[in-house]
C-alpha atoms as a PDB file:
ATOM      1  CA  MET A   1     162.176  98.502 -20.168  1.00  0.00           C
ATOM      2  CA  PRO A   2     158.630  98.086 -19.403  1.00  0.00           C
ATOM      3  CA  THR A   3     157.290  94.233 -19.043  1.00  0.00           C
ATOM      4  CA  ILE A   4     154.075  92.271 -18.347  1.00  0.00           C
ATOM      5  CA  LEU A   5     156.817  89.138 -16.199  1.00  0.00           C
ATOM      6  CA  PRO A   6     156.008  89.486 -12.421  1.00  0.00           C
ATOM      7  CA  LEU A   7     158.561  91.624 -10.300  1.00  0.00           C
ATOM      8  CA  ASP A   8     160.401  90.291  -7.604  1.00  0.00           C
ATOM      9  CA  ASP A   9     160.828  92.450  -4.159  1.00  0.00           C
ATOM     10  CA  ASP A  10     163.727  94.716  -6.146  1.00  0.00           C
ATOM     11  CA  ASN A  11     161.618  95.131  -8.796  1.00  0.00           C
ATOM     12  CA  ASN A  12     163.550  93.218 -11.238  1.00  0.00           C
ATOM     13  CA  PRO A  13     161.811  90.821 -13.459  1.00  0.00           C
ATOM     14  CA  ILE A  14     160.874  87.249 -12.301  1.00  0.00           C
ATOM     15  CA  PRO A  15     161.719  84.689 -15.918  1.00  0.00           C
ATOM     16  CA  ALA A  16     158.468  82.738 -15.157  1.00  0.00           C
ATOM     17  CA  ILE A  17     156.068  81.590 -17.955  1.00  0.00           C
ATOM     18  CA  ARG A  18     152.685  79.316 -17.855  1.00  0.00           C
ATOM     19  CA  LEU A  19     151.906  75.611 -18.867  1.00  0.00           C
ATOM     20  CA  ARG A  20     150.172  75.990 -22.161  1.00  0.00           C
ATOM     21  CA  SER A  21     146.527  73.629 -21.499  1.00  0.00           C
ATOM     22  CA  GLY A  22     144.384  72.355 -23.264  1.00  0.00           C
ATOM     23  CA  GLY A  23     146.342  70.273 -26.317  1.00  0.00           C
ATOM     24  CA  GLY A  24     149.651  71.868 -24.889  1.00  0.00           C
ATOM     25  CA  ALA A  25     151.177  67.869 -23.405  1.00  0.00           C
ATOM     26  CA  HIS A  26     152.441  66.429 -25.888  1.00  0.00           C
ATOM     27  CA  ALA A  27     153.731  62.418 -25.949  1.00  0.00           C
ATOM     28  CA  ILE A  28     155.906  61.060 -28.311  1.00  0.00           C
ATOM     29  CA  ALA A  29     156.786  57.584 -28.912  1.00  0.00           C
ATOM     30  CA  VAL A  30     160.652  56.959 -29.970  1.00  0.00           C
ATOM     31  CA  THR A  31     161.873  54.579 -31.993  1.00  0.00           C
ATOM     32  CA  ALA A  32     164.774  53.951 -34.774  1.00  0.00           C
ATOM     33  CA  SER A  33     162.317  55.765 -36.864  1.00  0.00           C
ATOM     34  CA  SER A  34     162.317  59.870 -36.747  1.00  0.00           C
ATOM     35  CA  ALA A  35     159.301  60.536 -35.193  1.00  0.00           C
ATOM     36  CA  ARG A  36     156.830  63.909 -34.410  1.00  0.00           C
ATOM     37  CA  ASN A  37     154.667  65.492 -32.801  1.00  0.00           C
ATOM     38  CA  SER A  38     151.271  65.165 -34.106  1.00  0.00           C
ATOM     39  CA  THR A  39     149.823  68.256 -33.074  1.00  0.00           C
ATOM     40  CA  ALA A  40     151.828  71.784 -33.983  1.00  0.00           C
ATOM     41  CA  PHE A  41     152.626  73.955 -31.590  1.00  0.00           C
ATOM     42  CA  SER A  42     150.414  76.823 -30.903  1.00  0.00           C
ATOM     43  CA  ALA A  43     151.843  80.134 -32.540  1.00  0.00           C
ATOM     44  CA  TYR A  44     151.098  81.883 -28.413  1.00  0.00           C
ATOM     45  CA  THR A  45     154.312  78.990 -27.064  1.00  0.00           C
ATOM     46  CA  LYS A  46     157.018  80.029 -27.067  1.00  0.00           C
ATOM     47  CA  VAL A  47     158.466  77.814 -24.955  1.00  0.00           C
ATOM     48  CA  VAL A  48     158.936  73.938 -24.372  1.00  0.00           C
ATOM     49  CA  SER A  49     160.152  71.741 -21.757  1.00  0.00           C
ATOM     50  CA  LEU A  50     161.353  68.335 -22.505  1.00  0.00           C
ATOM     51  CA  TYR A  51     161.848  65.487 -21.333  1.00  0.00           C
ATOM     52  CA  ALA A  52     163.059  62.023 -22.066  1.00  0.00           C
ATOM     53  CA  THR A  53     162.920  57.993 -20.877  1.00  0.00           C
ATOM     54  CA  GLY A  54     165.949  57.097 -23.097  1.00  0.00           C
ATOM     55  CA  PRO A  55     168.649  59.378 -24.802  1.00  0.00           C
ATOM     56  CA  VAL A  56     167.292  60.868 -28.386  1.00  0.00           C
ATOM     57  CA  PHE A  57     168.234  63.550 -31.476  1.00  0.00           C
ATOM     58  CA  VAL A  58     166.395  66.028 -31.486  1.00  0.00           C
ATOM     59  CA  ARG A  59     165.288  68.010 -34.275  1.00  0.00           C
ATOM     60  CA  PHE A  60     162.849  71.008 -34.075  1.00  0.00           C
ATOM     61  CA  GLY A  61     160.831  72.560 -37.427  1.00  0.00           C
ATOM     62  CA  THR A  62     158.075  73.409 -39.679  1.00  0.00           C
ATOM     63  CA  SER A  63     155.025  70.234 -40.338  1.00  0.00           C
ATOM     64  CA  GLY A  64     157.979  68.242 -42.167  1.00  0.00           C
ATOM     65  CA  VAL A  65     160.996  68.313 -39.798  1.00  0.00           C
ATOM     66  CA  THR A  66     162.457  64.619 -39.903  1.00  0.00           C
ATOM     67  CA  ALA A  67     165.405  63.666 -36.782  1.00  0.00           C
ATOM     68  CA  SER A  68     168.606  61.891 -37.928  1.00  0.00           C
ATOM     69  CA  ALA A  69     171.942  60.879 -35.970  1.00  0.00           C
ATOM     70  CA  LEU A  70     173.054  63.944 -37.190  1.00  0.00           C
ATOM     71  CA  ASP A  71     171.180  65.949 -34.688  1.00  0.00           C
ATOM     72  CA  HIS A  72     171.445  67.268 -31.243  1.00  0.00           C
ATOM     73  CA  TYR A  73     171.655  63.830 -28.645  1.00  0.00           C
ATOM     74  CA  PHE A  74     169.738  64.745 -25.906  1.00  0.00           C
ATOM     75  CA  PRO A  75     170.037  62.477 -22.944  1.00  0.00           C
ATOM     76  CA  SER A  76     167.286  60.962 -20.913  1.00  0.00           C
ATOM     77  CA  GLY A  77     166.196  61.878 -17.606  1.00  0.00           C
ATOM     78  CA  VAL A  78     166.763  65.750 -17.940  1.00  0.00           C
ATOM     79  CA  TYR A  79     164.260  68.585 -17.943  1.00  0.00           C
ATOM     80  CA  TYR A  80     165.008  71.113 -20.340  1.00  0.00           C
ATOM     81  CA  ASP A  81     163.584  74.471 -21.996  1.00  0.00           C
ATOM     82  CA  PHE A  82     164.276  75.386 -25.653  1.00  0.00           C
ATOM     83  CA  SER A  83     163.136  78.446 -27.308  1.00  0.00           C
ATOM     84  CA  LEU A  84     160.622  77.642 -30.591  1.00  0.00           C
ATOM     85  CA  GLY A  85     161.886  81.420 -31.958  1.00  0.00           C
ATOM     86  CA  GLY A  86     159.665  83.876 -33.519  1.00  0.00           C
ATOM     87  CA  GLY A  87     160.057  87.632 -33.777  1.00  0.00           C
ATOM     88  CA  LYS A  88     162.985  87.975 -36.284  1.00  0.00           C
ATOM     89  CA  VAL A  89     163.227  83.831 -36.594  1.00  0.00           C
ATOM     90  CA  PRO A  90     161.275  81.493 -37.265  1.00  0.00           C
ATOM     91  CA  HIS A  91     158.957  79.913 -35.016  1.00  0.00           C
ATOM     92  CA  TYR A  92     159.496  75.879 -35.012  1.00  0.00           C
ATOM     93  CA  THR A  93     155.282  74.640 -34.764  1.00  0.00           C
ATOM     94  CA  HIS A  94     156.768  70.504 -34.583  1.00  0.00           C
ATOM     95  CA  ILE A  95     160.073  68.533 -32.674  1.00  0.00           C
ATOM     96  CA  ALA A  96     161.205  65.649 -34.868  1.00  0.00           C
ATOM     97  CA  VAL A  97     163.063  62.400 -32.363  1.00  0.00           C
ATOM     98  CA  MET A  98     164.635  59.478 -33.392  1.00  0.00           C
ATOM     99  CA  ARG A  99     166.138  56.986 -30.120  1.00  0.00           C
ATOM    100  CA  VAL A 100     170.055  56.915 -29.928  1.00  0.00           C
ATOM    101  CA  SER A 101     170.080  53.140 -28.312  1.00  0.00           C
ATOM    102  CA  SER A 102     166.095  51.855 -27.406  1.00  0.00           C
ATOM    103  CA  ASP A 103     162.778  52.812 -27.377  1.00  0.00           C
ATOM    104  CA  CYS A 104     162.063  54.963 -25.335  1.00  0.00           C
ATOM    105  CA  THR A 105     159.227  58.745 -24.855  1.00  0.00           C
ATOM    106  CA  VAL A 106     160.077  62.175 -25.738  1.00  0.00           C
ATOM    107  CA  TYR A 107     157.453  64.272 -23.048  1.00  0.00           C
ATOM    108  CA  VAL A 108     156.735  68.047 -24.652  1.00  0.00           C
ATOM    109  CA  SER A 109     155.218  70.751 -22.116  1.00  0.00           C
ATOM    110  CA  GLU A 110     153.585  73.925 -24.164  1.00  0.00           C
ATOM    111  CA  LYS A 111     154.408  77.114 -22.323  1.00  0.00           C
ATOM    112  CA  GLU A 112     152.982  80.899 -23.343  1.00  0.00           C
END
């Protein structure tokens, strides 16, 4: 199967993608109310990486997405990649976050 990924010495694809420059970094102040990124993710962004300074609840969606205590728990101090979809599934444009216990910051990096 053809790929545009870099190849290792055995011609196996290396799953590598780059950080998006020019607006691909987001910092979201997280409080007791749901907050989301103010600028939509690029249509070319396939993956976002998250890092939270405190535990949060997260939810991906469109510009109207909101987070609640019923959404996915994301712990503090973990760097993790999430797919935004695309192709046969909807492409998410926003992430909503809400604190679990105390105010914090969520850092989001778009990857292409």
